[in-house]
C-alpha atoms as a PDB file:
ATOM      1  CA  MET A   1      -3.348  76.599   0.793  1.00  0.00           C
ATOM      2  CA  HIS A   2      -0.179  78.291  -0.392  1.00  0.00           C
ATOM      3  CA  LEU A   3       0.853  81.104   1.937  1.00  0.00           C
ATOM      4  CA  THR A   4       1.961  84.323   0.279  1.00  0.00           C
ATOM      5  CA  GLY A   5       3.316  87.723   1.251  1.00  0.00           C
ATOM      6  CA  PHE A   6       6.908  86.754   2.006  1.00  0.00           C
ATOM      7  CA  GLU A   7       8.830  87.063  -1.271  1.00  0.00           C
ATOM      8  CA  GLY A   8      11.565  89.681  -0.987  1.00  0.00           C
ATOM      9  CA  ARG A   9      10.279  91.064   2.306  1.00  0.00           C
ATOM     10  CA  ILE A  10      12.509  91.549   5.332  1.00  0.00           C
ATOM     11  CA  ALA A  11      11.582  89.450   8.369  1.00  0.00           C
ATOM     12  CA  LEU A  12      13.108  89.842  11.832  1.00  0.00           C
ATOM     13  CA  VAL A  13      13.301  86.729  14.028  1.00  0.00           C
ATOM     14  CA  THR A  14      14.478  86.783  17.642  1.00  0.00           C
ATOM     15  CA  GLY A  15      15.488  83.620  19.472  1.00  0.00           C
ATOM     16  CA  ALA A  16      16.537  82.255  16.091  1.00  0.00           C
ATOM     17  CA  ALA A  17      19.457  80.031  17.088  1.00  0.00           C
ATOM     18  CA  GLY A  18      17.417  76.899  17.794  1.00  0.00           C
ATOM     19  CA  GLY A  19      14.051  75.306  18.417  1.00  0.00           C
ATOM     20  CA  ILE A  20      10.996  77.219  17.249  1.00  0.00           C
ATOM     21  CA  GLY A  21      13.004  80.267  16.177  1.00  0.00           C
ATOM     22  CA  ALA A  22      15.251  78.236  13.894  1.00  0.00           C
ATOM     23  CA  ALA A  23      12.197  76.519  12.406  1.00  0.00           C
ATOM     24  CA  VAL A  24      10.642  79.917  11.651  1.00  0.00           C
ATOM     25  CA  VAL A  25      13.854  81.042   9.937  1.00  0.00           C
ATOM     26  CA  THR A  26      13.839  77.913   7.769  1.00  0.00           C
ATOM     27  CA  LEU A  27      10.249  78.462   6.648  1.00  0.00           C
ATOM     28  CA  LEU A  28      10.750  82.166   6.001  1.00  0.00           C
ATOM     29  CA  ARG A  29      13.796  81.458   3.836  1.00  0.00           C
ATOM     30  CA  ALA A  30      11.896  78.805   1.902  1.00  0.00           C
ATOM     31  CA  SER A  31       9.106  81.327   1.300  1.00  0.00           C
ATOM     32  CA  GLY A  32      11.455  83.885  -0.216  1.00  0.00           C
ATOM     33  CA  ALA A  33      11.859  86.269   2.714  1.00  0.00           C
ATOM     34  CA  ILE A  34      15.107  88.011   3.588  1.00  0.00           C
ATOM     35  CA  VAL A  35      15.638  87.017   7.208  1.00  0.00           C
ATOM     36  CA  VAL A  36      17.327  88.942   9.993  1.00  0.00           C
ATOM     37  CA  ALA A  37      18.058  86.219  12.560  1.00  0.00           C
ATOM     38  CA  THR A  38      19.041  87.214  16.098  1.00  0.00           C
ATOM     39  CA  ASP A  39      19.891  85.518  19.365  1.00  0.00           C
ATOM     40  CA  LEU A  40      22.198  86.150  22.322  1.00  0.00           C
ATOM     41  CA  GLU A  41      24.943  84.793  20.089  1.00  0.00           C
ATOM     42  CA  ALA A  42      24.527  85.419  16.385  1.00  0.00           C
ATOM     43  CA  PRO A  43      23.021  82.371  14.623  1.00  0.00           C
ATOM     44  CA  ALA A  44      24.765  80.886  11.610  1.00  0.00           C
ATOM     45  CA  SER A  45      24.571  83.005   8.470  1.00  0.00           C
ATOM     46  CA  GLU A  46      23.035  81.408   5.385  1.00  0.00           C
ATOM     47  CA  ALA A  47      21.829  82.579   2.005  1.00  0.00           C
ATOM     48  CA  ASN A  48      19.235  85.313   2.555  1.00  0.00           C
ATOM     49  CA  VAL A  49      19.897  85.265   6.308  1.00  0.00           C
ATOM     50  CA  HIS A  50      21.593  88.170   8.072  1.00  0.00           C
ATOM     51  CA  ALA A  51      22.684  87.052  11.536  1.00  0.00           C
ATOM     52  CA  PHE A  52      23.185  89.354  14.516  1.00  0.00           C
ATOM     53  CA  ALA A  53      23.732  88.988  18.248  1.00  0.00           C
ATOM     54  CA  LEU A  54      20.939  90.631  20.235  1.00  0.00           C
ATOM     55  CA  ASP A  55      19.975  90.748  23.902  1.00  0.00           C
ATOM     56  CA  VAL A  56      16.280  91.597  23.896  1.00  0.00           C
ATOM     57  CA  THR A  57      16.472  92.744  27.525  1.00  0.00           C
ATOM     58  CA  ASP A  58      18.609  95.704  26.355  1.00  0.00           C
ATOM     59  CA  SER A  59      16.234  98.292  24.906  1.00  0.00           C
ATOM     60  CA  ALA A  60      19.047 100.391  23.428  1.00  0.00           C
ATOM     61  CA  ALA A  61      20.447  97.321  21.661  1.00  0.00           C
ATOM     62  CA  VAL A  62      17.019  96.477  20.226  1.00  0.00           C
ATOM     63  CA  ASP A  63      16.534 100.037  18.958  1.00  0.00           C
ATOM     64  CA  ALA A  64      20.024 100.023  17.452  1.00  0.00           C
ATOM     65  CA  LEU A  65      19.496  96.693  15.706  1.00  0.00           C
ATOM     66  CA  VAL A  66      16.207  97.812  14.167  1.00  0.00           C
ATOM     67  CA  ALA A  67      17.811 101.068  13.006  1.00  0.00           C
ATOM     68  CA  ARG A  68      20.775  99.168  11.544  1.00  0.00           C
ATOM     69  CA  VAL A  69      18.534  96.793   9.622  1.00  0.00           C
ATOM     70  CA  GLU A  70      16.307  99.592   8.343  1.00  0.00           C
ATOM     71  CA  ALA A  71      19.307 101.619   7.169  1.00  0.00           C
ATOM     72  CA  GLY A  72      21.458  98.816   5.788  1.00  0.00           C
ATOM     73  CA  ILE A  73      19.122  96.038   4.668  1.00  0.00           C
ATOM     74  CA  GLY A  74      15.699  97.568   4.249  1.00  0.00           C
ATOM     75  CA  PRO A  75      12.300  98.055   5.902  1.00  0.00           C
ATOM     76  CA  ILE A  76      11.213  95.369   8.337  1.00  0.00           C
ATOM     77  CA  ASP A  77       7.750  94.245   7.266  1.00  0.00           C
ATOM     78  CA  LEU A  78       7.491  90.974   9.186  1.00  0.00           C
ATOM     79  CA  ALA A  79       8.672  89.901  12.630  1.00  0.00           C
ATOM     80  CA  ALA A  80       8.531  86.782  14.776  1.00  0.00           C
ATOM     81  CA  HIS A  81       9.561  87.322  18.383  1.00  0.00           C
ATOM     82  CA  VAL A  82      10.512  83.908  19.782  1.00  0.00           C
ATOM     83  CA  ALA A  83      13.167  84.735  22.403  1.00  0.00           C
ATOM     84  CA  GLY A  84      12.222  83.428  25.832  1.00  0.00           C
ATOM     85  CA  VAL A  85      13.451  81.703  28.978  1.00  0.00           C
ATOM     86  CA  LEU A  86      11.955  79.116  31.310  1.00  0.00           C
ATOM     87  CA  SER A  87      11.610  79.301  35.083  1.00  0.00           C
ATOM     88  CA  THR A  88      10.581  76.248  37.130  1.00  0.00           C
ATOM     89  CA  THR A  89      10.716  77.192  40.788  1.00  0.00           C
ATOM     90  CA  SER A  90       7.859  77.315  43.262  1.00  0.00           C
ATOM     91  CA  VAL A  91       6.740  80.753  44.399  1.00  0.00           C
ATOM     92  CA  ALA A  92       8.328  80.258  47.818  1.00  0.00           C
ATOM     93  CA  GLU A  93      11.639  79.329  46.191  1.00  0.00           C
ATOM     94  CA  THR A  94      11.629  82.068  43.541  1.00  0.00           C
ATOM     95  CA  SER A  95      14.229  84.718  44.304  1.00  0.00           C
ATOM     96  CA  ASP A  96      13.868  88.362  43.353  1.00  0.00           C
ATOM     97  CA  ALA A  97      16.657  87.851  40.826  1.00  0.00           C
ATOM     98  CA  GLU A  98      14.919  84.864  39.194  1.00  0.00           C
ATOM     99  CA  TRP A  99      11.625  86.746  38.947  1.00  0.00           C
ATOM    100  CA  ARG A 100      13.350  89.731  37.338  1.00  0.00           C
ATOM    101  CA  ARG A 101      15.389  87.516  34.973  1.00  0.00           C
ATOM    102  CA  THR A 102      12.243  85.810  33.714  1.00  0.00           C
ATOM    103  CA  PHE A 103      10.332  89.030  33.181  1.00  0.00           C
ATOM    104  CA  ALA A 104      13.373  90.768  31.662  1.00  0.00           C
ATOM    105  CA  VAL A 105      13.400  88.325  28.757  1.00  0.00           C
ATOM    106  CA  ASN A 106       9.796  87.161  28.449  1.00  0.00           C
ATOM    107  CA  THR A 107       8.018  90.463  29.075  1.00  0.00           C
ATOM    108  CA  ASP A 108      10.488  93.343  28.795  1.00  0.00           C
ATOM    109  CA  GLY A 109      11.948  91.769  25.653  1.00  0.00           C
ATOM    110  CA  VAL A 110       8.539  91.677  23.987  1.00  0.00           C
ATOM    111  CA  PHE A 111       7.994  95.321  24.962  1.00  0.00           C
ATOM    112  CA  HIS A 112      11.372  96.422  23.615  1.00  0.00           C
ATOM    113  CA  VAL A 113      10.945  94.637  20.279  1.00  0.00           C
ATOM    114  CA  GLY A 114       7.281  95.574  19.910  1.00  0.00           C
ATOM    115  CA  ARG A 115       7.934  99.251  20.618  1.00  0.00           C
ATOM    116  CA  ALA A 116      10.881  99.446  18.230  1.00  0.00           C
ATOM    117  CA  LEU A 117       8.880  97.825  15.440  1.00  0.00           C
ATOM    118  CA  ALA A 118       5.822  99.996  16.107  1.00  0.00           C
ATOM    119  CA  ARG A 119       7.934 103.081  15.543  1.00  0.00           C
ATOM    120  CA  VAL A 120       9.002 101.979  12.070  1.00  0.00           C
ATOM    121  CA  MET A 121       5.969  99.996  10.910  1.00  0.00           C
ATOM    122  CA  ALA A 122       3.182 102.416  11.835  1.00  0.00           C
ATOM    123  CA  PRO A 123       4.411 105.312   9.655  1.00  0.00           C
ATOM    124  CA  ARG A 124       4.585 102.941   6.663  1.00  0.00           C
ATOM    125  CA  ARG A 125       1.087 101.655   7.435  1.00  0.00           C
ATOM    126  CA  ARG A 126       2.057  98.032   6.944  1.00  0.00           C
ATOM    127  CA  GLY A 127       3.620  95.156   8.861  1.00  0.00           C
ATOM    128  CA  ALA A 128       2.931  92.046  10.901  1.00  0.00           C
ATOM    129  CA  LEU A 129       4.329  90.891  14.238  1.00  0.00           C
ATOM    130  CA  VAL A 130       3.817  87.469  15.799  1.00  0.00           C
ATOM    131  CA  VAL A 131       5.004  86.842  19.351  1.00  0.00           C
ATOM    132  CA  VAL A 132       5.507  83.264  20.512  1.00  0.00           C
ATOM    133  CA  GLY A 133       4.015  83.121  23.990  1.00  0.00           C
ATOM    134  CA  SER A 134       2.900  80.015  25.884  1.00  0.00           C
ATOM    135  CA  ASN A 135      -0.273  78.197  26.835  1.00  0.00           C
ATOM    136  CA  ALA A 136       0.997  78.666  30.401  1.00  0.00           C
ATOM    137  CA  ALA A 137      -0.250  82.253  30.031  1.00  0.00           C
ATOM    138  CA  GLY A 138      -3.807  80.935  30.159  1.00  0.00           C
ATOM    139  CA  ILE A 139      -3.712  78.159  32.751  1.00  0.00           C
ATOM    140  CA  PRO A 140      -2.022  77.894  36.174  1.00  0.00           C
ATOM    141  CA  ARG A 141       1.036  75.648  36.403  1.00  0.00           C
ATOM    142  CA  GLN A 142       2.786  74.393  39.509  1.00  0.00           C
ATOM    143  CA  ALA A 143       6.366  75.634  39.925  1.00  0.00           C
ATOM    144  CA  MET A 144       5.985  77.931  36.907  1.00  0.00           C
ATOM    145  CA  ALA A 145       4.467  81.094  38.396  1.00  0.00           C
ATOM    146  CA  ALA A 146       7.177  83.459  37.145  1.00  0.00           C
ATOM    147  CA  TYR A 147       7.137  81.933  33.670  1.00  0.00           C
ATOM    148  CA  ALA A 148       3.344  81.859  33.373  1.00  0.00           C
ATOM    149  CA  ALA A 149       2.955  85.393  34.725  1.00  0.00           C
ATOM    150  CA  SER A 150       5.612  86.753  32.372  1.00  0.00           C
ATOM    151  CA  LYS A 151       3.948  85.123  29.373  1.00  0.00           C
ATOM    152  CA  ALA A 152       0.507  86.346  30.441  1.00  0.00           C
ATOM    153  CA  ALA A 153       1.823  89.896  30.728  1.00  0.00           C
ATOM    154  CA  ALA A 154       3.489  89.646  27.330  1.00  0.00           C
ATOM    155  CA  THR A 155       0.285  88.329  25.761  1.00  0.00           C
ATOM    156  CA  MET A 156      -1.784  91.256  27.021  1.00  0.00           C
ATOM    157  CA  PHE A 157       0.922  93.689  25.912  1.00  0.00           C
ATOM    158  CA  VAL A 158       0.772  92.288  22.367  1.00  0.00           C
ATOM    159  CA  ARG A 159      -3.010  92.583  22.298  1.00  0.00           C
ATOM    160  CA  CYS A 160      -2.808  96.203  23.477  1.00  0.00           C
ATOM    161  CA  LEU A 161      -0.074  96.905  20.944  1.00  0.00           C
ATOM    162  CA  GLY A 162      -2.258  95.323  18.289  1.00  0.00           C
ATOM    163  CA  LEU A 163      -5.149  97.575  19.242  1.00  0.00           C
ATOM    164  CA  GLU A 164      -2.959 100.651  18.855  1.00  0.00           C
ATOM    165  CA  LEU A 165      -1.383  99.565  15.571  1.00  0.00           C
ATOM    166  CA  ALA A 166      -4.384  98.079  13.770  1.00  0.00           C
ATOM    167  CA  PRO A 167      -5.581 101.506  12.547  1.00  0.00           C
ATOM    168  CA  HIS A 168      -2.130 101.890  10.974  1.00  0.00           C
ATOM    169  CA  GLY A 169      -2.430  98.643   9.029  1.00  0.00           C
ATOM    170  CA  VAL A 170      -0.064  96.702  11.313  1.00  0.00           C
ATOM    171  CA  ARG A 171      -1.213  93.310  12.630  1.00  0.00           C
ATOM    172  CA  CYS A 172      -0.043  91.898  15.971  1.00  0.00           C
ATOM    173  CA  ASN A 173      -0.829  88.349  17.089  1.00  0.00           C
ATOM    174  CA  VAL A 174       0.308  85.710  19.574  1.00  0.00           C
ATOM    175  CA  VAL A 175       0.977  82.008  19.040  1.00  0.00           C
ATOM    176  CA  ALA A 176       0.770  80.122  22.340  1.00  0.00           C
ATOM    177  CA  PRO A 177       2.531  76.747  22.138  1.00  0.00           C
ATOM    178  CA  GLY A 178       2.187  73.926  24.579  1.00  0.00           C
ATOM    179  CA  SER A 179       4.834  71.257  25.135  1.00  0.00           C
ATOM    180  CA  THR A 180       7.184  71.352  22.153  1.00  0.00           C
ATOM    181  CA  ARG A 181      10.271  69.268  21.414  1.00  0.00           C
ATOM    182  CA  THR A 182      12.882  71.899  22.210  1.00  0.00           C
ATOM    183  CA  SER A 183      15.778  71.995  24.665  1.00  0.00           C
ATOM    184  CA  MET A 184      13.563  74.030  26.999  1.00  0.00           C
ATOM    185  CA  GLN A 185      11.075  71.141  27.107  1.00  0.00           C
ATOM    186  CA  THR A 186      13.432  68.177  27.166  1.00  0.00           C
ATOM    187  CA  GLY A 187      15.536  69.856  29.843  1.00  0.00           C
ATOM    188  CA  MET A 188      12.623  69.348  32.254  1.00  0.00           C
ATOM    189  CA  TRP A 189      12.495  65.585  31.691  1.00  0.00           C
ATOM    190  CA  ALA A 190      14.118  63.589  34.454  1.00  0.00           C
ATOM    191  CA  ASP A 191      14.358  60.350  32.465  1.00  0.00           C
ATOM    192  CA  ALA A 192      13.347  58.588  29.253  1.00  0.00           C
ATOM    193  CA  ASP A 193       9.701  58.551  30.347  1.00  0.00           C
ATOM    194  CA  GLY A 194       9.472  62.342  30.455  1.00  0.00           C
ATOM    195  CA  GLU A 195       7.715  62.686  27.124  1.00  0.00           C
ATOM    196  CA  ALA A 196       5.162  60.006  27.985  1.00  0.00           C
ATOM    197  CA  ARG A 197       4.359  61.732  31.270  1.00  0.00           C
ATOM    198  CA  VAL A 198       3.816  65.062  29.516  1.00  0.00           C
ATOM    199  CA  ILE A 199       1.431  63.448  27.045  1.00  0.00           C
ATOM    200  CA  ALA A 200      -0.460  61.553  29.744  1.00  0.00           C
ATOM    201  CA  GLY A 201      -0.632  64.463  32.177  1.00  0.00           C
ATOM    202  CA  THR A 202      -0.050  64.330  35.912  1.00  0.00           C
ATOM    203  CA  LEU A 203      -3.052  64.404  38.234  1.00  0.00           C
ATOM    204  CA  GLU A 204      -0.911  65.132  41.282  1.00  0.00           C
ATOM    205  CA  ASN A 205       0.197  68.384  39.633  1.00  0.00           C
ATOM    206  CA  PHE A 206      -3.283  69.198  38.307  1.00  0.00           C
ATOM    207  CA  LYS A 207      -1.841  69.124  34.794  1.00  0.00           C
ATOM    208  CA  SER A 208      -3.929  67.827  31.921  1.00  0.00           C
ATOM    209  CA  GLY A 209      -2.390  65.667  29.227  1.00  0.00           C
ATOM    210  CA  ILE A 210      -2.388  66.281  25.492  1.00  0.00           C
ATOM    211  CA  PRO A 211      -5.544  65.011  23.766  1.00  0.00           C
ATOM    212  CA  LEU A 212      -3.746  64.624  20.419  1.00  0.00           C
ATOM    213  CA  GLY A 213      -1.378  62.158  22.089  1.00  0.00           C
ATOM    214  CA  LYS A 214       1.872  63.823  21.053  1.00  0.00           C
ATOM    215  CA  ILE A 215       3.985  66.843  21.811  1.00  0.00           C
ATOM    216  CA  ALA A 216       4.555  69.463  19.129  1.00  0.00           C
ATOM    217  CA  GLU A 217       7.568  69.655  16.873  1.00  0.00           C
ATOM    218  CA  PRO A 218       9.135  73.117  16.382  1.00  0.00           C
ATOM    219  CA  ALA A 219       7.815  73.138  12.802  1.00  0.00           C
ATOM    220  CA  ASP A 220       4.240  72.765  14.099  1.00  0.00           C
ATOM    221  CA  ILE A 221       4.574  76.083  15.918  1.00  0.00           C
ATOM    222  CA  ALA A 222       6.518  77.689  13.078  1.00  0.00           C
ATOM    223  CA  HIS A 223       3.735  76.883  10.602  1.00  0.00           C
ATOM    224  CA  ALA A 224       1.233  78.690  12.836  1.00  0.00           C
ATOM    225  CA  VAL A 225       3.571  81.693  12.998  1.00  0.00           C
ATOM    226  CA  MET A 226       3.906  81.674   9.222  1.00  0.00           C
ATOM    227  CA  PHE A 227       0.144  81.653   8.748  1.00  0.00           C
ATOM    228  CA  LEU A 228      -0.336  84.669  10.998  1.00  0.00           C
ATOM    229  CA  LEU A 229       2.442  86.536   9.170  1.00  0.00           C
ATOM    230  CA  SER A 230       1.035  85.679   5.746  1.00  0.00           C
ATOM    231  CA  ALA A 231      -1.252  87.633   3.453  1.00  0.00           C
ATOM    232  CA  GLN A 232      -3.873  84.934   4.040  1.00  0.00           C
ATOM    233  CA  ALA A 233      -4.163  86.112   7.668  1.00  0.00           C
ATOM    234  CA  GLY A 234      -4.625  89.693   6.539  1.00  0.00           C
ATOM    235  CA  HIS A 235      -7.766  90.224   8.624  1.00  0.00           C
ATOM    236  CA  ILE A 236      -6.482  88.620  11.834  1.00  0.00           C
ATOM    237  CA  ALA A 237      -5.285  91.006  14.538  1.00  0.00           C
ATOM    238  CA  MET A 238      -4.906  90.728  18.317  1.00  0.00           C
ATOM    239  CA  GLY A 239      -5.344  86.960  18.054  1.00  0.00           C
ATOM    240  CA  ASP A 240      -4.062  84.481  20.633  1.00  0.00           C
ATOM    241  CA  LEU A 241      -3.738  81.121  18.888  1.00  0.00           C
ATOM    242  CA  TYR A 242      -3.144  78.092  21.109  1.00  0.00           C
ATOM    243  CA  VAL A 243      -1.098  75.371  19.393  1.00  0.00           C
ATOM    244  CA  ASP A 244      -0.911  72.726  22.101  1.00  0.00           C
ATOM    245  CA  GLY A 245      -2.719  69.632  20.882  1.00  0.00           C
ATOM    246  CA  GLY A 246      -5.721  70.556  22.996  1.00  0.00           C
ATOM    247  CA  ALA A 247      -3.784  70.476  26.286  1.00  0.00           C
ATOM    248  CA  THR A 248      -5.477  73.559  27.724  1.00  0.00           C
ATOM    249  CA  LEU A 249      -8.881  72.563  26.383  1.00  0.00           C
ATOM    250  CA  ARG A 250      -9.258  75.884  24.597  1.00  0.00           C
ATOM    251  CA  ALA A 251      -8.546  77.367  21.154  1.00  0.00           C
END
């Protein structure tokens, strides 16, 4: 199936400097979209890519960036919110500052971007937003309470946003990856056997393995994002698509 609905349209991507975000930018460019790529430090500019620095925890900065793009580049019709941070401390060891840092990016950031886009997309009665969440939003994880809770909150926010915007022709969906070959994932591996342990699962941590026998590549997640942004997903709203090789034993 050839995905359509991208040619000449402006697509905002947060967390675009690497990993899943960079993979989304690559696919959007290849599909003919004009990409606005953002991260804490502006990603590299390329043909049909406008790069900006953006801290999604700063609501005024998000509003300003959206206004700048709308005024200087054109209407944002598509968006992939990928920006996120990891937290791997036990509840007892999680400081107030760590809890707030995790929620500031993973939850507040989704709110700031979603609200800013709602304000410009709804009046035009068109648009699509995909937020990259996590399968940790749907299953408990040891030493990941702040991360899992922040992703769960963000997921419900997107579904509520989707309910509000659907009557205006704007679709909001979530892609929930599992273990993916990014710096966030590999940074948790203590040695060369880290990937094998993730695939096999760890009974002592009550963590299931990955039935497909492999971790995801960033492009695997990016392809799911592209589908939900495409015209072919035109009747999908408020979805929560798990892309984790079956690790959470749910769709």
